[in-house]
Protein backbone atom coordinates (compact mmCIF):
# COMPACT_ATOMS: atom_id res chain seq x y z
CA MET A 1 120.59 109.63 108.29
CA GLN A 2 121.68 108.07 111.52
CA PRO A 3 125.07 106.34 111.76
CA VAL A 4 123.46 102.88 112.14
CA GLU A 5 121.34 103.35 109.03
CA GLU A 6 124.32 104.67 107.07
CA ARG A 7 126.51 101.77 108.18
CA LEU A 8 123.99 99.02 107.45
CA ARG A 9 122.99 100.57 104.14
CA ARG A 10 126.64 100.87 103.09
CA LEU A 11 127.36 97.26 104.09
CA MET A 12 124.32 96.05 102.14
CA ILE A 13 125.30 97.98 99.01
CA GLU A 14 128.86 96.67 99.23
CA ALA A 15 127.56 93.13 99.81
CA LEU A 16 125.30 93.38 96.78
CA ALA A 17 128.36 94.43 94.80
CA GLY A 18 130.08 91.17 95.83
CA ASP A 19 132.14 92.21 98.87
CA GLU A 20 132.16 89.08 101.06
CA LYS A 21 133.69 90.81 104.08
CA SER A 22 130.94 93.46 104.05
CA TYR A 23 128.33 90.74 103.68
CA ARG A 24 129.64 88.80 106.71
CA GLN A 25 129.72 92.02 108.74
CA LEU A 26 126.20 92.92 107.61
CA LEU A 27 124.82 89.53 108.66
CA SER A 28 126.60 89.79 112.01
CA ASP A 29 125.23 93.29 112.67
CA VAL A 30 121.74 92.34 111.49
CA GLY A 31 121.81 89.23 113.67
CA ASP A 32 122.61 91.31 116.76
CA ARG A 33 119.86 93.83 115.97
CA VAL A 34 117.12 91.29 115.29
CA ARG A 35 118.15 89.17 118.29
CA ALA A 36 117.54 92.22 120.52
CA TYR A 37 114.30 92.98 118.65
CA TYR A 38 112.93 89.45 119.16
CA SER A 39 114.16 89.23 122.77
CA ARG A 40 112.20 92.34 123.69
CA ARG A 41 109.06 90.96 122.11
CA MET A 42 109.29 87.31 123.14
CA GLY A 43 111.05 87.77 126.46
CA PRO A 44 114.73 87.29 127.27
CA GLY A 45 115.97 83.76 126.67
CA HIS A 46 112.81 82.64 124.83
CA ALA A 47 113.47 79.37 123.03
CA SER A 48 112.28 80.69 119.66
CA THR A 49 114.48 83.78 119.57
CA GLU A 50 117.45 82.10 117.87
CA ASP A 51 115.17 80.34 115.39
CA LEU A 52 113.65 83.70 114.46
CA VAL A 53 117.09 85.26 114.12
CA GLN A 54 118.19 82.48 111.77
CA GLU A 55 114.96 82.69 109.74
CA THR A 56 115.42 86.44 109.42
CA LEU A 57 119.05 86.10 108.34
CA LEU A 58 118.01 83.51 105.78
CA ALA A 59 115.27 85.83 104.51
CA VAL A 60 117.75 88.72 104.27
CA HIS A 61 120.02 86.42 102.28
CA THR A 62 117.36 85.07 99.92
CA ARG A 63 115.64 88.43 99.41
CA ARG A 64 118.72 90.64 99.36
CA PHE A 65 118.21 91.51 95.70
CA THR A 66 114.80 93.01 96.50
CA TYR A 67 116.46 95.72 98.58
CA ASP A 68 116.15 99.12 96.92
CA SER A 69 119.34 101.06 97.71
CA ASP A 70 117.44 104.34 97.41
CA ARG A 71 115.33 103.41 100.44
CA PRO A 72 116.34 103.01 104.10
CA PHE A 73 117.84 99.60 104.87
CA THR A 74 116.46 99.48 108.40
CA ALA A 75 112.87 99.87 107.12
CA TRP A 76 113.42 96.92 104.77
CA LEU A 77 114.95 94.89 107.60
CA HIS A 78 112.13 95.78 110.00
CA ALA A 79 109.53 94.57 107.51
CA ILE A 80 111.25 91.21 107.22
CA ALA A 81 111.73 90.83 110.99
CA ARG A 82 108.17 91.87 111.76
CA TYR A 83 106.67 89.42 109.25
CA LYS A 84 108.87 86.60 110.57
CA LEU A 85 107.65 87.33 114.10
CA ILE A 86 104.01 87.45 112.99
CA ASP A 87 104.40 84.17 111.09
CA HIS A 88 105.97 82.58 114.16
CA LEU A 89 103.22 83.82 116.46
CA ARG A 90 100.53 82.56 114.10
CA ALA A 91 102.20 79.18 113.85
CA SER A 92 102.60 78.84 117.60
CA ARG A 93 99.19 80.34 118.26
CA ALA A 94 100.74 82.65 120.82
CA HIS A 95 98.79 85.76 121.61
CA LEU A 96 101.40 88.44 121.91
CA SER A 97 100.92 91.87 120.46
CA VAL A 98 103.40 93.20 117.94
CA PRO A 99 102.93 96.95 117.91
CA ILE A 100 103.68 98.57 114.60
CA ASP A 101 104.88 101.72 116.32
CA ASP A 102 107.53 99.87 118.29
CA MET A 103 110.15 99.63 115.59
CA ASN A 104 112.71 102.03 117.00
CA ASP A 105 114.87 99.05 117.94
CA LEU A 106 115.60 98.37 114.30
CA ILE A 107 115.06 101.67 112.59
CA SER A 108 117.18 104.66 113.28
CA ALA A 109 115.39 107.94 113.85
CA ASP A 110 114.47 108.96 110.35
CA ASP A 111 111.45 109.55 108.18
CA SER A 112 111.29 106.03 106.74
CA GLU A 113 107.61 105.71 107.61
CA ALA A 114 106.83 108.87 105.69
CA THR A 115 109.13 107.72 102.90
CA GLY A 116 107.34 104.40 102.75
CA ALA A 117 103.95 106.09 102.67
CA ARG A 118 105.11 108.43 99.89
CA HIS A 119 106.40 105.45 97.95
CA ASP A 120 103.07 103.62 98.34
CA VAL A 121 101.09 106.68 97.25
CA GLU A 122 103.34 107.23 94.24
CA LYS A 123 102.98 103.57 93.28
CA LEU A 124 99.19 103.80 93.46
CA LEU A 125 99.07 107.07 91.57
CA GLY A 126 101.45 105.73 88.94
CA ASP A 127 98.67 103.59 87.43
CA LEU A 128 96.36 106.56 86.86
CA PRO A 129 96.28 108.73 83.74
CA GLU A 130 98.85 111.51 83.92
CA GLN A 131 96.36 114.37 84.15
CA THR A 132 94.27 112.67 86.85
CA ARG A 133 97.43 111.81 88.79
CA GLY A 134 98.55 115.44 88.59
CA PHE A 135 95.17 116.75 89.78
CA ILE A 136 95.05 114.35 92.74
CA ARG A 137 98.62 115.14 93.71
CA ALA A 138 98.07 118.92 93.48
CA VAL A 139 94.76 119.03 95.37
CA LYS A 140 94.85 116.10 97.80
CA ILE A 141 98.57 115.89 98.58
CA ASP A 142 99.97 119.37 97.97
CA GLY A 143 96.84 121.12 99.31
CA ARG A 144 96.24 123.41 96.36
CA SER A 145 92.70 124.59 95.64
CA ILE A 146 90.57 123.36 92.76
CA ALA A 147 90.59 126.90 91.35
CA GLU A 148 94.41 127.04 91.40
CA VAL A 149 94.76 123.69 89.70
CA SER A 150 92.09 124.60 87.16
CA ALA A 151 93.84 127.87 86.28
CA ALA A 152 97.25 126.22 86.04
CA SER A 153 96.05 123.32 83.87
CA GLY A 154 93.56 125.14 81.67
CA ALA A 155 90.84 122.63 82.59
CA SER A 156 87.52 123.77 84.04
CA GLU A 157 86.97 123.44 87.78
CA SER A 158 84.27 120.86 87.08
CA ALA A 159 86.66 118.81 84.95
CA VAL A 160 89.27 118.89 87.74
CA LYS A 161 86.70 117.78 90.33
CA VAL A 162 85.37 114.99 88.12
CA ALA A 163 88.87 113.73 87.30
CA ILE A 164 89.84 113.70 90.98
CA HIS A 165 86.61 111.95 91.98
CA ARG A 166 86.96 109.28 89.29
CA GLY A 167 90.64 108.77 90.04
CA LEU A 168 90.04 108.31 93.77
CA LYS A 169 87.14 105.99 93.07
CA LEU A 170 89.34 103.87 90.80
CA LEU A 171 92.11 103.79 93.43
CA ALA A 172 89.60 102.67 96.08
CA ARG A 173 88.39 99.83 93.82
CA ARG A 174 91.96 98.75 93.12
CA MET A 175 92.86 98.77 96.79
CA LYS A 176 89.86 96.54 97.49
CA GLY A 177 91.05 94.21 94.73
CA ASN A 178 88.05 94.76 92.47
CA ASP A 179 89.93 96.33 89.58
CA ALA A 180 93.43 95.54 88.38
CA PRO A 181 95.52 98.25 86.68
């Protein structure tokens, strides 16, 4: 982890534990980071920058208990800042682009994007039956062959293929909102 990530994460964990000094320092550091983030996107001295900073700090305050201390703090912060900016742009009908890739200002160089993707995949797979989840993970994520998975599980190759197909089909329906878990 980068020093910025470590520092902000530590301050957040201490703040959640009730340390007021850490909480004040966290809000100060976050304010500086999001101010720079918004200034680069809206232009230096833009009238809405301070409003966005305050809205973000308020969101960090009101949603602080949603932070998962096992995940990177800067990824959590970036999500809040990005959504606040998008909401502002929608409300003001401004047509600025907010590139998803341009989050290096908030996030230290780490694998938070991959971590987030892994978390999303695990969350989706978590609703599937255990055997189907295992087959999908082994074949589609780990890259093992159907024959390997079949031999290791004791299921026929056809059963493995059918389970994977049905599991992926169910996930696709759920992602489209047609089937709740």
